[in-house]
N, C-alpha and C. Protein backbone atom coordinates (compact mmCIF):
# COMPACT_ATOMS: atom_id res chain seq x y z
N MET A 1 -57.54 31.53 -40.03
CA MET A 1 -58.16 32.50 -40.63
C MET A 1 -57.60 32.23 -42.35
N ALA A 2 -58.77 31.71 -43.06
CA ALA A 2 -58.25 31.11 -44.53
C ALA A 2 -59.62 32.44 -45.23
N LEU A 3 -58.99 32.90 -46.05
CA LEU A 3 -59.08 34.32 -47.19
C LEU A 3 -60.05 33.11 -48.24
N VAL A 4 -61.63 33.05 -48.52
CA VAL A 4 -62.23 32.96 -49.53
C VAL A 4 -62.63 33.70 -50.50
N LEU A 5 -63.18 33.43 -51.85
CA LEU A 5 -64.12 34.71 -52.41
C LEU A 5 -65.27 34.85 -52.21
N ALA A 6 -65.80 36.09 -52.10
CA ALA A 6 -67.11 35.83 -51.79
C ALA A 6 -67.78 36.72 -53.01
N ALA A 7 -67.24 37.61 -53.75
CA ALA A 7 -68.14 38.10 -55.02
C ALA A 7 -66.55 38.53 -56.03
N ARG A 8 -66.78 39.02 -57.31
CA ARG A 8 -66.30 38.87 -57.96
C ARG A 8 -67.26 40.63 -58.72
N PHE A 9 -66.19 41.48 -58.77
CA PHE A 9 -66.79 42.80 -59.59
C PHE A 9 -65.83 43.50 -60.46
N TYR A 10 -66.35 44.54 -61.54
CA TYR A 10 -65.82 44.75 -62.54
C TYR A 10 -64.81 45.89 -62.45
N THR A 11 -65.30 46.39 -61.56
CA THR A 11 -64.31 47.60 -60.90
C THR A 11 -63.93 47.86 -59.96
N ALA A 12 -62.72 48.71 -59.32
CA ALA A 12 -62.49 48.51 -57.70
C ALA A 12 -63.56 49.04 -57.20
N ALA A 13 -64.35 50.02 -57.92
CA ALA A 13 -65.31 50.74 -56.77
C ALA A 13 -66.26 50.35 -56.28
N GLU A 14 -66.66 49.27 -56.73
CA GLU A 14 -67.89 48.19 -56.84
C GLU A 14 -67.48 47.61 -55.66
N ALA A 15 -66.39 47.03 -55.53
CA ALA A 15 -65.61 46.12 -54.88
C ALA A 15 -65.82 46.67 -53.37
N HIS A 16 -65.01 48.06 -53.54
CA HIS A 16 -64.81 49.00 -52.47
C HIS A 16 -66.27 49.45 -51.59
N ILE A 17 -67.12 49.39 -52.28
CA ILE A 17 -68.51 49.44 -51.81
C ILE A 17 -68.84 48.42 -51.14
N ALA A 18 -68.78 47.33 -51.37
CA ALA A 18 -69.64 46.00 -51.22
C ALA A 18 -68.41 45.70 -50.09
N SER A 19 -67.31 45.98 -50.13
CA SER A 19 -66.13 45.80 -48.84
C SER A 19 -66.64 46.97 -47.42
N GLY A 20 -66.93 48.05 -48.25
CA GLY A 20 -67.80 48.81 -46.93
C GLY A 20 -69.20 48.32 -46.12
N CYS A 21 -70.03 47.56 -47.28
CA CYS A 21 -71.73 47.33 -47.00
C CYS A 21 -71.23 45.96 -45.65
N LEU A 22 -70.18 45.58 -46.28
CA LEU A 22 -69.75 43.97 -45.04
C LEU A 22 -69.25 44.67 -43.60
N ALA A 23 -68.50 45.76 -44.05
CA ALA A 23 -67.59 46.60 -42.86
C ALA A 23 -69.09 46.93 -41.61
N SER A 24 -70.08 47.52 -42.21
CA SER A 24 -71.13 47.91 -41.40
C SER A 24 -71.80 46.93 -40.75
N ALA A 25 -71.33 45.69 -41.39
CA ALA A 25 -72.26 44.58 -40.81
C ALA A 25 -71.26 43.66 -39.96
N GLY A 26 -70.25 44.27 -39.60
CA GLY A 26 -69.19 44.08 -38.96
C GLY A 26 -68.18 42.46 -39.49
N ILE A 27 -68.48 42.79 -40.67
CA ILE A 27 -67.66 41.32 -41.34
C ILE A 27 -66.27 42.25 -42.47
N ASP A 28 -65.51 41.54 -41.67
CA ASP A 28 -63.51 42.25 -42.47
C ASP A 28 -63.47 41.41 -43.79
N SER A 29 -63.46 42.21 -44.96
CA SER A 29 -63.05 41.78 -46.06
C SER A 29 -61.81 42.65 -46.66
N HIS A 30 -61.63 42.00 -47.75
CA HIS A 30 -60.01 42.55 -48.61
C HIS A 30 -60.06 42.40 -49.96
N VAL A 31 -60.15 43.40 -50.38
CA VAL A 31 -60.16 43.35 -52.16
C VAL A 31 -58.68 43.27 -53.20
N PHE A 32 -58.69 42.37 -53.54
CA PHE A 32 -57.97 41.31 -54.24
C PHE A 32 -58.17 41.95 -56.13
N ASP A 33 -56.74 42.12 -56.58
CA ASP A 33 -56.63 42.26 -58.17
C ASP A 33 -56.61 43.38 -58.57
N VAL A 34 -56.67 44.67 -57.79
CA VAL A 34 -57.36 46.13 -58.00
C VAL A 34 -56.11 46.21 -59.02
N GLY A 35 -54.82 46.17 -58.69
CA GLY A 35 -53.95 46.47 -59.65
C GLY A 35 -53.93 45.69 -61.08
N ILE A 36 -54.44 44.74 -61.17
CA ILE A 36 -54.40 44.41 -62.77
C ILE A 36 -55.51 44.63 -63.07
N ASN A 37 -56.86 44.65 -63.07
CA ASN A 37 -58.07 44.95 -63.35
C ASN A 37 -58.06 46.29 -64.38
N LEU A 38 -57.92 46.36 -65.50
CA LEU A 38 -57.78 47.38 -66.64
C LEU A 38 -59.05 47.61 -67.13
N VAL A 39 -60.47 47.46 -66.64
CA VAL A 39 -61.79 47.48 -66.88
C VAL A 39 -62.31 49.13 -67.08
N GLU A 40 -61.59 49.67 -65.90
CA GLU A 40 -61.51 50.75 -65.58
C GLU A 40 -60.90 52.00 -66.66
N LEU A 41 -59.82 51.31 -67.36
CA LEU A 41 -58.75 51.83 -68.05
C LEU A 41 -59.22 51.45 -69.43
N GLY A 42 -60.09 51.25 -70.01
CA GLY A 42 -60.78 50.90 -71.24
C GLY A 42 -60.56 49.10 -71.81
N GLY A 43 -59.15 48.59 -70.91
CA GLY A 43 -58.91 47.23 -71.16
C GLY A 43 -59.70 46.36 -70.55
N ILE A 44 -59.41 44.97 -70.67
CA ILE A 44 -60.26 43.83 -70.23
C ILE A 44 -59.22 42.76 -69.49
N ALA A 45 -59.22 42.71 -68.03
CA ALA A 45 -58.53 41.74 -67.52
C ALA A 45 -59.06 41.21 -66.05
N ALA A 46 -58.71 40.59 -65.40
CA ALA A 46 -59.32 39.96 -64.36
C ALA A 46 -60.07 40.63 -62.83
N PRO A 47 -61.29 40.15 -63.09
CA PRO A 47 -62.20 40.96 -62.11
C PRO A 47 -61.86 40.95 -60.75
N VAL A 48 -61.76 41.72 -60.24
CA VAL A 48 -61.86 42.56 -59.11
C VAL A 48 -62.15 41.45 -57.59
N ARG A 49 -61.49 41.06 -56.76
CA ARG A 49 -62.14 39.67 -56.20
C ARG A 49 -61.89 40.12 -54.47
N LEU A 50 -63.20 40.21 -54.13
CA LEU A 50 -63.76 40.37 -52.57
C LEU A 50 -63.35 39.05 -51.90
N MET A 51 -62.63 39.35 -50.93
CA MET A 51 -62.36 38.26 -50.42
C MET A 51 -62.84 38.25 -48.34
N VAL A 52 -63.29 37.33 -47.53
CA VAL A 52 -63.68 36.81 -46.52
C VAL A 52 -62.93 36.18 -45.71
N ASP A 53 -63.25 35.89 -44.71
CA ASP A 53 -62.67 35.11 -43.85
C ASP A 53 -63.67 33.52 -44.37
N GLU A 54 -63.44 32.53 -44.41
CA GLU A 54 -64.36 31.35 -44.61
C GLU A 54 -65.54 31.38 -43.79
N GLU A 55 -65.05 31.57 -42.53
CA GLU A 55 -66.36 31.19 -41.25
C GLU A 55 -67.39 32.59 -41.60
N ASP A 56 -67.01 33.77 -42.14
CA ASP A 56 -68.10 34.64 -42.53
C ASP A 56 -68.56 34.60 -43.86
N LEU A 57 -68.21 33.93 -45.24
CA LEU A 57 -68.76 33.54 -46.03
C LEU A 57 -70.19 33.65 -46.45
N ALA A 58 -70.84 32.41 -45.48
CA ALA A 58 -72.31 32.16 -45.88
C ALA A 58 -72.91 33.65 -45.58
N GLU A 59 -73.11 34.51 -44.25
CA GLU A 59 -73.36 36.02 -44.61
C GLU A 59 -72.85 36.80 -45.08
N ALA A 60 -71.73 36.70 -45.45
CA ALA A 60 -71.16 37.87 -46.41
C ALA A 60 -72.12 37.68 -47.57
N ARG A 61 -72.17 36.47 -48.07
CA ARG A 61 -72.82 36.48 -49.77
C ARG A 61 -74.28 36.90 -49.26
N THR A 62 -75.03 36.47 -48.38
CA THR A 62 -76.39 36.95 -47.94
C THR A 62 -76.42 38.29 -48.17
N ILE A 63 -75.71 39.17 -47.37
CA ILE A 63 -75.36 40.61 -47.11
C ILE A 63 -75.75 41.19 -48.58
N LEU A 64 -74.48 40.96 -49.51
CA LEU A 64 -74.20 41.20 -50.58
C LEU A 64 -75.37 41.02 -51.51
N ALA A 65 -75.76 40.05 -51.47
CA ALA A 65 -77.03 39.56 -52.30
C ALA A 65 -78.28 40.31 -51.86
N GLU A 66 -78.61 40.74 -50.91
CA GLU A 66 -79.61 41.83 -50.35
C GLU A 66 -79.22 43.13 -50.96
N ASP A 67 -77.82 43.33 -50.65
CA ASP A 67 -77.33 44.65 -51.38
C ASP A 67 -77.86 45.20 -52.76
N GLN A 68 -77.69 43.75 -53.30
CA GLN A 68 -78.08 43.94 -54.86
C GLN A 68 -79.63 44.30 -55.55
N ARG A 69 -80.35 44.14 -54.72
CA ARG A 69 -81.88 44.17 -54.62
C ARG A 69 -82.34 45.39 -54.87
């Protein structure tokens, strides 16, 4: 199982909502870089990354794209 980047978000809340959408479709995901993301505190740092198994990447990106509409 190799984790790959499915999406980036400016806040941890957005990433966790997207993770929940993927979970409801049966796709496991992991939120990375929450601790170094400072946007929520008024600073700027690395975006929060939503990672999925490489085998689920295409489906995950499709779900996330539909969710943004």
